Amino acid sequence: MEFAILAAVVAGIGLLLLLILRLKIHAFIALLLVSILTAVAAGMDPAKVMDTIKSGMGSTLGFVATIVGLGAIFGGILEHTGSARVLAAYLLKKTGEERAPLAMMLTGFLVSIPIFFDVGFIILFPLIVGLHRNTGKSLVHYAVPLLAGLAVSHAFIPPTPGPLAVAEIIGVPLGWLVLVGVIAGLPAAYLSGIVYGKYIGKRLDVQLAATIDQGATLAFPPSVAFVFPILLLPIALIVVNAMLASGVLGMGHPQADKFLSLLTHPFSSLLVANLLAWYLLGRRCGFSNQQLADISTKSLYPAGAIILVTGAGGVFKEVLIETGAGKMMAGAMQDAGLGLVTFAFLTATAIRVLQGSATVAMITAAGLVAPLIPEMSLSPIQLGALAICIASGATMASHLNDSGFWLVKELMRLSEKDGIRTWTVASAILGLTGFSVAAVLYYFGG
C-alpha cells in the first residue's frame, strides 16, 4: 500500500512536469488535473477528492489572495509614481551597482526575520524592478539575491513559524538557534543569491516591459524621504505583529493587545500602506483619483493569474499531505538507520519535494527526529545545528508543487523552465550549503 501511494505521488510529479514543460498546458489546469489523478491513484476516497481540492485552494488563498491583491496595487502605485525608480537610484548611489545584489540579499535577510517569505517578496518587488530598469541588467540579477535572503531568514531564524516549531519540538534554546541560523544562513544566502544569482543573471536576461512612460514628467516627483517611510511602514507594522504574537511586546491590557494585533496584521499593514501611497505619493505627484483607480485596476490583472496558480499549487500540496506520502518516506529513511543529521536533512528534503511546504516539511521532520534525541546527549550548539539541518532540507528545491515557486515565477513573468533554472536551483544551493555548514557545527560542537 505504501509503495503504491509513493509511486502515485512520483508519477503525479512526473506528469505535472510533462504537462507544463513539454505540452505547455497552463499551470492552473495542469495542477488541478494532476492533483485529482494523484489523489485517485493513491487510493483516496473519490468522495473526498473534491473536498480536498476545495480545502487546499481555500487554505492557500485565504491569506495569499489578499496579500497578492494588496501588494499588486501597492506596487502599481510605487511604479507609476516613479517611487520604485527613486528608491533604486538612491540604493545604487549608496552601494554602487556592483554591491546592489548584496544590498538586496541583506535586505531580504533582515526583512524576512519577522515577515513571511511571500509577503516580503511582494512588498520589495517594486524595488528590484526599479534597480532592473535603472541598470538594464536582468531582473534575475537582483531578484535571486533578494529571494535567497528572504528564504534563509524564513526557514532558519525565529520568529517565523517553521523554526519556532522546530525549536519547540526538538528542544533547541532560541538563542542558539538564532546563532547557528545566522552562521549557516549567511554563506547559504551568499552562494545561492550572490554567486548563483550573478551566474544565472548573465545567462537569463529577463527584461520587464515598461508599463508607463519612463520619461514622463510628474507634477511633483517623489523624494526618498517620502518614499522610504511608506515602503518600510508595512514591514515595521508586521514586525510589531510578530512581537505581539511571540509575547515579546504587549500593551499591558488584553483588549489593547488584540486591537494592536488587528492594526498590525499583514492585511491591515498593507491596507494602511496602500492608503498612504494613494494620497501621499499618488495625489501628491499630480495623479487624479480616477487615474489612481485605473492604476489599481490594471495592477490587479496579473494578480489574478498569480492567485489562481498559487492556489492550485496549494491544492497539489494538500493532496500530497492527505495521502501521507511524506511521512511514509521519512519512516523508510528512519528504518534505514541513517546518521542523525543526514536523516534529519533527507527527511525534510523528501517531505519538501513531495508536498511543497517548507513549514510542513520542518514540522513533520522535527517530529520524526525528536524521539531520537534523548539518547544522544546533545549540546545546545548541536541541537541548533540539527534544527538548521532540518530547515536546510525543508528549503531544498522549491518547484512545481510549491505555491511560493508560482508566486516567484508569475511575479517575475518567467516560464516554468526558467523558474526551475532560477529559483529551484538557487533554493537547492541554499539548502545544501546550509546543511553543510550546520553538519560541520554539529560534529565539532559536542
Protein backbone atom coordinates (compact mmCIF):
# COMPACT_ATOMS: atom_id res chain seq x y z
CA MET A 1 0.00 0.00 0.00
CA GLU A 2 2.77 2.44 0.96
CA PHE A 3 4.67 1.65 -2.24
CA ALA A 4 1.53 2.29 -4.30
CA ILE A 5 0.99 5.69 -2.68
CA LEU A 6 4.61 6.76 -3.17
CA ALA A 7 4.51 5.52 -6.77
CA ALA A 8 1.34 7.54 -7.40
CA VAL A 9 2.97 10.68 -5.98
CA VAL A 10 6.17 10.24 -8.02
CA ALA A 11 4.11 9.57 -11.16
CA GLY A 12 1.99 12.65 -10.40
CA ILE A 13 5.04 14.91 -10.16
CA GLY A 14 6.38 13.41 -13.40
CA LEU A 15 3.05 14.00 -15.16
CA LEU A 16 2.96 17.57 -13.87
CA LEU A 17 6.39 18.25 -15.35
CA LEU A 18 5.32 16.70 -18.66
CA LEU A 19 2.07 18.68 -18.91
CA ILE A 20 3.63 22.04 -18.07
CA LEU A 21 7.11 21.85 -19.56
CA ARG A 22 6.51 19.67 -22.60
CA LEU A 23 2.86 20.01 -23.56
CA LYS A 24 2.60 23.66 -22.42
CA ILE A 25 -0.69 23.09 -20.60
CA HIS A 26 -1.47 26.11 -18.40
CA ALA A 27 -0.17 25.54 -14.88
CA PHE A 28 -3.57 26.17 -13.26
CA ILE A 29 -5.23 23.41 -15.29
CA ALA A 30 -2.23 21.05 -15.02
CA LEU A 31 -2.01 21.36 -11.23
CA LEU A 32 -5.71 20.71 -10.73
CA LEU A 33 -5.72 17.75 -13.14
CA VAL A 34 -2.64 16.13 -11.60
CA SER A 35 -4.00 16.73 -8.08
CA ILE A 36 -7.18 14.79 -8.92
CA LEU A 37 -5.35 11.95 -10.71
CA THR A 38 -2.75 11.61 -7.92
CA ALA A 39 -5.42 11.54 -5.22
CA VAL A 40 -7.37 8.80 -7.02
CA ALA A 41 -4.24 6.77 -7.84
CA ALA A 42 -3.09 6.98 -4.22
CA GLY A 43 -6.34 5.41 -3.08
CA MET A 44 -8.11 8.47 -1.69
CA ASP A 45 -11.87 8.04 -1.36
CA PRO A 46 -13.34 9.62 -4.53
CA ALA A 47 -15.96 11.38 -2.41
CA LYS A 48 -13.13 13.13 -0.51
CA VAL A 49 -11.10 14.23 -3.54
CA MET A 50 -13.08 17.34 -4.41
CA ASP A 51 -13.33 18.37 -0.75
CA THR A 52 -9.55 18.13 -0.57
CA ILE A 53 -9.26 20.26 -3.73
CA LYS A 54 -11.58 22.83 -2.20
CA SER A 55 -9.82 22.94 1.17
CA GLY A 56 -6.38 23.14 -0.48
CA MET A 57 -7.44 26.08 -2.62
CA GLY A 58 -9.20 27.82 0.25
CA SER A 59 -6.46 27.39 2.84
CA THR A 60 -3.84 28.70 0.44
CA LEU A 61 -5.79 31.65 -0.95
CA GLY A 62 -7.31 32.80 2.32
CA PHE A 63 -4.01 34.56 3.01
CA VAL A 64 -2.24 34.68 -0.34
CA ALA A 65 -5.06 36.21 -2.41
CA THR A 66 -5.45 39.16 -0.05
CA ILE A 67 -1.71 39.77 0.24
CA VAL A 68 -1.11 39.46 -3.51
CA GLY A 69 -4.01 41.80 -4.32
CA LEU A 70 -2.95 44.48 -1.85
CA GLY A 71 0.69 44.06 -2.82
CA ALA A 72 -0.12 44.40 -6.53
CA ILE A 73 -1.93 47.72 -6.03
CA PHE A 74 0.81 48.99 -3.72
CA GLY A 75 3.47 48.04 -6.26
CA GLY A 76 1.48 49.61 -9.11
CA ILE A 77 1.30 52.96 -7.33
CA LEU A 78 5.02 52.82 -6.45
CA GLU A 79 5.85 52.14 -10.08
CA HIS A 80 3.56 54.69 -11.72
CA THR A 81 4.59 57.49 -9.37
CA GLY A 82 8.25 56.76 -10.06
CA SER A 83 8.83 55.83 -6.41
CA ALA A 84 10.44 52.47 -7.20
CA ARG A 85 12.93 54.14 -9.54
CA VAL A 86 13.69 56.81 -6.93
CA LEU A 87 14.47 54.15 -4.33
CA ALA A 88 16.55 52.16 -6.79
CA ALA A 89 18.59 55.23 -7.79
CA TYR A 90 19.19 56.03 -4.12
CA LEU A 91 20.28 52.46 -3.37
CA LEU A 92 22.62 52.39 -6.38
CA LYS A 93 24.14 55.69 -5.29
CA LYS A 94 24.80 54.40 -1.77
CA THR A 95 26.00 50.89 -2.60
CA GLY A 96 27.24 51.14 -6.17
CA GLU A 97 25.98 48.92 -8.95
CA GLU A 98 28.33 46.07 -8.08
CA ARG A 99 27.16 45.85 -4.46
CA ALA A 100 23.43 46.30 -5.15
CA PRO A 101 22.75 42.50 -5.21
CA LEU A 102 24.49 42.18 -1.82
CA ALA A 103 22.31 45.01 -0.51
CA MET A 104 19.24 43.13 -1.79
CA MET A 105 20.36 39.89 -0.11
CA LEU A 106 20.91 41.60 3.25
CA THR A 107 17.62 43.47 2.91
CA GLY A 108 15.79 40.19 2.32
CA PHE A 109 17.64 38.55 5.22
CA LEU A 110 16.59 41.28 7.67
CA VAL A 111 13.05 41.74 6.37
CA SER A 112 12.13 38.04 6.47
CA ILE A 113 13.11 37.55 10.11
CA PRO A 114 9.68 38.79 11.23
CA ILE A 115 7.85 38.59 7.88
CA PHE A 116 6.76 35.67 5.73
CA PHE A 117 8.79 34.97 2.60
CA ASP A 118 5.96 35.72 0.16
CA VAL A 119 4.90 38.94 1.91
CA GLY A 120 8.47 40.25 1.93
CA PHE A 121 8.94 39.46 -1.76
CA ILE A 122 5.68 41.17 -2.75
CA ILE A 123 6.50 44.31 -0.73
CA LEU A 124 10.08 44.58 -2.03
CA PHE A 125 9.43 43.50 -5.62
CA PRO A 126 9.00 47.09 -6.89
CA LEU A 127 12.46 47.87 -5.54
CA ILE A 128 14.20 45.20 -7.63
CA VAL A 129 12.13 46.27 -10.65
CA GLY A 130 13.46 49.78 -10.14
CA LEU A 131 17.05 48.51 -9.93
CA HIS A 132 16.50 46.41 -13.04
CA ARG A 133 15.19 49.37 -15.02
CA ASN A 134 17.86 51.77 -13.78
CA THR A 135 20.73 49.47 -14.75
CA GLY A 136 19.27 47.48 -17.65
CA LYS A 137 20.55 44.25 -16.07
CA SER A 138 18.39 41.14 -15.95
CA LEU A 139 15.70 41.18 -13.27
CA VAL A 140 17.13 37.82 -12.14
CA HIS A 141 20.39 39.57 -11.18
CA TYR A 142 18.60 41.37 -8.32
CA ALA A 143 15.69 39.02 -7.64
CA VAL A 144 17.69 35.88 -6.78
CA PRO A 145 19.77 37.61 -4.04
CA LEU A 146 16.61 39.06 -2.53
CA LEU A 147 14.87 35.66 -2.64
CA ALA A 148 17.86 33.93 -1.07
CA GLY A 149 17.95 36.41 1.81
CA LEU A 150 14.21 36.09 2.35
CA ALA A 151 14.25 32.27 2.22
CA VAL A 152 17.15 31.86 4.65
CA SER A 153 15.58 34.02 7.34
CA HIS A 154 12.15 32.48 6.79
CA ALA A 155 13.48 28.96 7.42
CA PHE A 156 16.48 29.50 9.72
CA ILE A 157 15.67 32.40 12.06
CA PRO A 158 12.79 32.71 14.56
CA PRO A 159 10.12 34.08 14.98
CA THR A 160 8.70 32.67 11.71
CA PRO A 161 6.56 29.59 12.44
CA GLY A 162 8.87 26.92 10.95
CA PRO A 163 11.99 27.48 13.08
CA LEU A 164 9.89 28.28 16.15
CA ALA A 165 8.04 24.97 15.80
CA VAL A 166 11.28 23.03 15.27
CA ALA A 167 12.84 24.68 18.34
CA GLU A 168 9.85 23.68 20.44
CA ILE A 169 9.65 20.10 19.11
CA ILE A 170 13.33 19.16 19.47
CA GLY A 171 14.12 21.44 22.43
CA VAL A 172 16.53 23.99 20.96
CA PRO A 173 17.23 27.16 23.00
CA LEU A 174 16.16 30.02 20.73
CA GLY A 175 19.41 31.93 21.27
CA TRP A 176 21.46 29.02 19.93
CA LEU A 177 19.07 28.55 17.03
CA VAL A 178 19.46 32.20 16.02
CA LEU A 179 23.26 31.98 16.33
CA VAL A 180 23.59 28.80 14.26
CA GLY A 181 20.97 30.07 11.82
CA VAL A 182 22.99 33.21 11.13
CA ILE A 183 26.30 31.31 10.86
CA ALA A 184 24.85 28.80 8.37
CA GLY A 185 22.38 31.17 6.72
CA LEU A 186 24.67 33.95 5.54
CA PRO A 187 27.02 31.75 3.47
CA ALA A 188 23.99 29.85 2.14
CA ALA A 189 22.35 33.10 1.05
CA TYR A 190 25.61 34.39 -0.43
CA LEU A 191 26.32 31.31 -2.54
CA SER A 192 22.74 30.84 -3.75
CA GLY A 193 21.86 34.53 -4.04
CA ILE A 194 25.03 36.43 -4.98
CA VAL A 195 27.19 33.80 -6.67
CA TYR A 196 24.47 31.82 -8.44
CA GLY A 197 22.34 34.96 -8.98
CA LYS A 198 25.23 36.57 -10.86
CA TYR A 199 25.81 33.39 -12.86
CA ILE A 200 22.19 32.86 -13.92
CA GLY A 201 21.60 36.60 -14.37
CA LYS A 202 24.20 36.65 -17.15
CA ARG A 203 22.57 33.68 -18.89
CA LEU A 204 18.92 34.56 -18.43
CA ASP A 205 18.14 38.12 -19.49
CA VAL A 206 14.69 38.87 -18.08
CA GLN A 207 13.51 42.33 -19.09
CA LEU A 208 10.14 43.57 -17.86
CA ALA A 209 8.33 45.75 -20.35
CA ALA A 210 7.67 49.23 -19.00
CA THR A 211 4.01 49.75 -18.15
CA ILE A 212 4.38 53.54 -18.05
CA ASP A 213 6.31 56.18 -19.91
CA GLN A 214 9.67 56.08 -18.17
CA GLY A 215 10.35 59.62 -19.30
CA ALA A 216 7.07 61.05 -18.06
CA THR A 217 7.33 64.30 -16.12
CA LEU A 218 5.40 64.29 -12.87
CA ALA A 219 3.98 67.44 -11.29
CA PHE A 220 5.76 66.67 -8.01
CA PRO A 221 8.35 63.87 -8.34
CA PRO A 222 8.57 61.73 -5.16
CA SER A 223 11.53 62.09 -2.83
CA VAL A 224 13.38 59.33 -0.99
CA ALA A 225 12.45 60.92 2.34
CA PHE A 226 8.80 60.40 1.42
CA VAL A 227 9.01 57.01 -0.26
CA PHE A 228 11.17 55.12 2.25
CA PRO A 229 8.82 55.50 5.23
CA ILE A 230 5.84 54.36 3.16
CA LEU A 231 7.73 51.27 1.95
CA LEU A 232 9.05 50.44 5.42
CA LEU A 233 5.77 51.09 7.26
CA PRO A 234 4.09 47.73 6.45
CA ILE A 235 7.31 45.94 7.35
CA ALA A 236 7.52 47.76 10.69
CA LEU A 237 3.86 47.05 11.48
CA ILE A 238 4.26 43.34 10.69
CA VAL A 239 7.34 43.24 12.96
CA VAL A 240 5.18 44.62 15.78
CA ASN A 241 2.58 41.95 15.00
CA ALA A 242 5.20 39.21 15.24
CA MET A 243 6.44 40.60 18.58
CA LEU A 244 2.89 40.66 19.91
CA ALA A 245 2.31 37.07 18.81
CA SER A 246 5.53 35.87 20.47
CA GLY A 247 4.84 37.74 23.73
CA VAL A 248 7.91 39.98 23.42
CA LEU A 249 5.71 43.08 23.18
CA GLY A 250 2.48 43.89 24.97
CA MET A 251 0.32 46.87 25.93
CA GLY A 252 -0.41 45.52 29.39
CA HIS A 253 -4.11 45.02 28.65
CA PRO A 254 -5.54 42.03 26.73
CA GLN A 255 -8.09 44.09 24.79
CA ALA A 256 -5.46 46.66 23.81
CA ASP A 257 -3.16 43.85 22.64
CA LYS A 258 -5.95 42.41 20.49
CA PHE A 259 -6.69 45.80 18.94
CA LEU A 260 -3.00 46.42 18.23
CA SER A 261 -2.73 42.93 16.73
CA LEU A 262 -5.62 43.78 14.40
CA LEU A 263 -3.96 47.04 13.31
CA THR A 264 -0.59 45.37 12.67
CA HIS A 265 -1.82 42.24 10.87
CA PRO A 266 -0.29 41.91 7.35
CA PHE A 267 -3.71 42.69 5.82
CA SER A 268 -4.09 45.88 7.86
CA SER A 269 -0.44 46.84 7.33
CA LEU A 270 -0.74 46.70 3.55
CA LEU A 271 -4.11 48.47 3.61
CA VAL A 272 -2.55 51.37 5.53
CA ALA A 273 0.43 51.39 3.15
CA ASN A 274 -1.93 51.49 0.15
CA LEU A 275 -3.90 54.42 1.55
CA LEU A 276 -0.75 56.38 2.31
CA ALA A 277 0.71 55.60 -1.12
CA TRP A 278 -2.57 56.69 -2.75
CA TYR A 279 -2.62 60.11 -1.13
CA LEU A 280 0.98 60.93 -0.20
CA LEU A 281 2.54 59.61 -3.41
CA GLY A 282 -0.24 59.39 -6.00
CA ARG A 283 -2.19 62.56 -5.28
CA ARG A 284 0.94 64.49 -4.31
CA CYS A 285 2.62 63.56 -7.62
CA GLY A 286 -0.31 65.03 -9.52
CA PHE A 287 -2.44 61.93 -10.23
CA SER A 288 -6.22 62.27 -10.01
CA ASN A 289 -8.36 59.84 -8.03
CA GLN A 290 -9.64 58.36 -11.30
CA GLN A 291 -6.09 57.83 -12.60
CA LEU A 292 -5.15 56.09 -9.36
CA ALA A 293 -8.25 53.92 -9.58
CA ASP A 294 -7.27 52.93 -13.12
CA ILE A 295 -3.72 52.13 -11.95
CA SER A 296 -5.13 49.94 -9.17
CA THR A 297 -7.40 48.08 -11.57
CA LYS A 298 -4.64 47.45 -14.11
CA SER A 299 -2.30 46.30 -11.33
CA LEU A 300 -4.77 43.57 -10.38
CA TYR A 301 -4.86 41.99 -13.88
CA PRO A 302 -1.63 39.95 -13.46
CA ALA A 303 -2.55 39.29 -9.82
CA GLY A 304 -5.47 37.12 -10.96
CA ALA A 305 -3.17 34.63 -12.69
CA ILE A 306 -0.78 34.64 -9.74
CA ILE A 307 -3.61 33.96 -7.29
CA LEU A 308 -5.15 31.08 -9.28
CA VAL A 309 -1.86 29.30 -9.98
CA THR A 310 -0.68 29.76 -6.38
CA GLY A 311 -3.99 28.34 -5.15
CA ALA A 312 -3.65 25.35 -7.48
CA GLY A 313 -0.16 24.75 -6.06
CA GLY A 314 -1.78 24.69 -2.63
CA VAL A 315 -4.27 22.11 -3.91
CA PHE A 316 -1.49 19.76 -5.03
CA LYS A 317 0.27 20.23 -1.70
CA GLU A 318 -2.95 19.37 0.17
CA VAL A 319 -3.43 16.18 -1.84
CA LEU A 320 0.11 15.07 -1.12
CA ILE A 321 -0.29 15.77 2.59
CA GLU A 322 -3.57 13.86 2.72
CA THR A 323 -2.01 10.80 1.07
CA GLY A 324 0.62 10.62 3.84
CA ALA A 325 3.45 10.16 1.32
CA GLY A 326 5.87 12.42 3.20
CA LYS A 327 5.55 10.50 6.46
CA MET A 328 5.99 7.21 4.62
CA MET A 329 9.23 8.40 3.04
CA ALA A 330 10.52 9.64 6.40
CA GLY A 331 9.69 6.33 8.06
CA ALA A 332 11.62 4.44 5.39
CA MET A 333 14.69 6.63 6.00
CA GLN A 334 14.46 6.07 9.73
CA ASP A 335 14.30 2.32 9.19
CA ALA A 336 17.43 2.56 7.02
CA GLY A 337 19.46 3.69 10.04
CA LEU A 338 20.91 6.92 8.62
CA GLY A 339 23.03 9.21 10.83
CA LEU A 340 21.02 11.79 12.78
CA VAL A 341 21.93 14.92 10.81
CA THR A 342 21.73 13.06 7.47
CA PHE A 343 18.38 11.57 8.46
CA ALA A 344 17.08 14.99 9.54
CA PHE A 345 18.18 16.67 6.31
CA LEU A 346 16.99 13.94 3.92
CA THR A 347 13.66 13.53 5.72
CA ALA A 348 12.92 17.24 5.49
CA THR A 349 14.09 17.28 1.86
CA ALA A 350 11.87 14.35 0.90
CA ILE A 351 8.80 15.89 2.53
CA ARG A 352 9.56 19.28 0.99
CA VAL A 353 10.00 17.88 -2.53
CA LEU A 354 6.91 15.70 -2.24
CA GLN A 355 4.43 18.22 -0.82
CA GLY A 356 5.95 21.68 -1.32
CA SER A 357 5.54 23.49 2.01
CA ALA A 358 8.78 24.30 3.84
CA THR A 359 6.94 24.80 7.15
CA VAL A 360 5.11 21.46 6.89
CA ALA A 361 8.41 19.75 6.00
CA MET A 362 10.17 21.29 9.00
CA ILE A 363 7.44 20.41 11.50
CA THR A 364 7.00 16.85 10.18
CA ALA A 365 10.75 16.14 10.06
CA ALA A 366 11.25 17.58 13.55
CA GLY A 367 8.53 15.31 14.90
CA LEU A 368 10.30 12.28 13.43
CA VAL A 369 13.72 13.36 14.69
CA ALA A 370 12.62 14.32 18.23
CA PRO A 371 12.27 10.74 19.61
CA LEU A 372 15.91 10.03 18.66
CA ILE A 373 17.38 12.98 20.58
CA PRO A 374 17.10 11.89 24.27
CA GLU A 375 19.60 9.07 23.72
CA MET A 376 22.19 11.39 22.11
CA SER A 377 23.13 13.86 24.93
CA LEU A 378 23.47 16.75 22.51
CA SER A 379 24.94 20.14 23.41
CA PRO A 380 22.94 23.34 22.73
CA ILE A 381 25.01 24.11 19.63
CA GLN A 382 24.42 20.58 18.32
CA LEU A 383 20.68 20.97 18.86
CA GLY A 384 20.82 24.28 16.99
CA ALA A 385 22.80 22.68 14.17
CA LEU A 386 20.32 19.78 13.99
CA ALA A 387 17.45 22.26 13.68
CA ILE A 388 19.25 24.02 10.81
CA CYS A 389 19.83 20.66 9.07
CA ILE A 390 16.05 20.20 9.16
CA ALA A 391 15.47 23.77 7.95
CA SER A 392 18.01 23.30 5.13
CA GLY A 393 16.22 20.19 3.89
CA ALA A 394 12.88 21.99 4.08
CA THR A 395 14.27 24.80 1.90
CA MET A 396 15.56 22.48 -0.82
CA ALA A 397 14.43 22.57 -4.44
CA SER A 398 11.30 24.73 -4.45
CA HIS A 399 9.48 23.50 -7.56
CA LEU A 400 6.09 22.99 -9.23
CA ASN A 401 4.21 21.80 -6.14
CA ASP A 402 5.29 24.81 -4.04
CA SER A 403 2.93 27.78 -4.07
CA GLY A 404 5.96 30.02 -3.39
CA PHE A 405 7.53 28.85 -6.66
CA TRP A 406 4.47 30.01 -8.60
CA LEU A 407 4.43 33.35 -6.82
CA VAL A 408 8.07 33.97 -7.75
CA LYS A 409 7.62 32.68 -11.29
CA GLU A 410 4.48 34.73 -12.00
CA LEU A 411 5.71 38.00 -10.47
CA MET A 412 8.94 37.76 -12.47
CA ARG A 413 7.00 36.59 -15.56
CA LEU A 414 9.24 33.59 -16.10
CA SER A 415 8.41 30.42 -17.98
CA GLU A 416 8.20 27.25 -15.89
CA LYS A 417 11.55 26.12 -17.28
CA ASP A 418 13.21 29.42 -16.36
CA GLY A 419 11.57 29.33 -12.94
CA ILE A 420 13.29 25.99 -12.33
CA ARG A 421 16.59 27.36 -13.68
CA THR A 422 16.42 30.28 -11.27
CA TRP A 423 14.62 29.64 -8.02
CA THR A 424 14.58 25.81 -7.93
CA VAL A 425 18.34 25.63 -8.46
CA ALA A 426 19.05 28.58 -6.16
CA SER A 427 16.98 27.05 -3.34
CA ALA A 428 18.81 23.73 -3.79
CA ILE A 429 22.17 25.51 -3.47
CA LEU A 430 20.84 27.31 -0.40
CA GLY A 431 19.69 24.08 1.25
CA LEU A 432 22.89 22.15 0.51
CA THR A 433 25.11 24.97 1.77
CA GLY A 434 23.08 25.43 4.94
CA PHE A 435 23.23 21.68 5.62
CA SER A 436 26.99 21.53 5.02
CA VAL A 437 27.74 24.34 7.47
CA ALA A 438 25.28 23.01 10.07
CA ALA A 439 26.70 19.47 9.79
CA VAL A 440 30.21 20.78 10.49
CA LEU A 441 28.94 22.72 13.52
CA TYR A 442 27.13 19.58 14.74
CA TYR A 443 30.17 17.34 14.56
CA PHE A 444 32.54 19.86 16.15
CA GLY A 445 30.06 21.29 18.66
CA GLY A 446 29.89 18.32 21.01
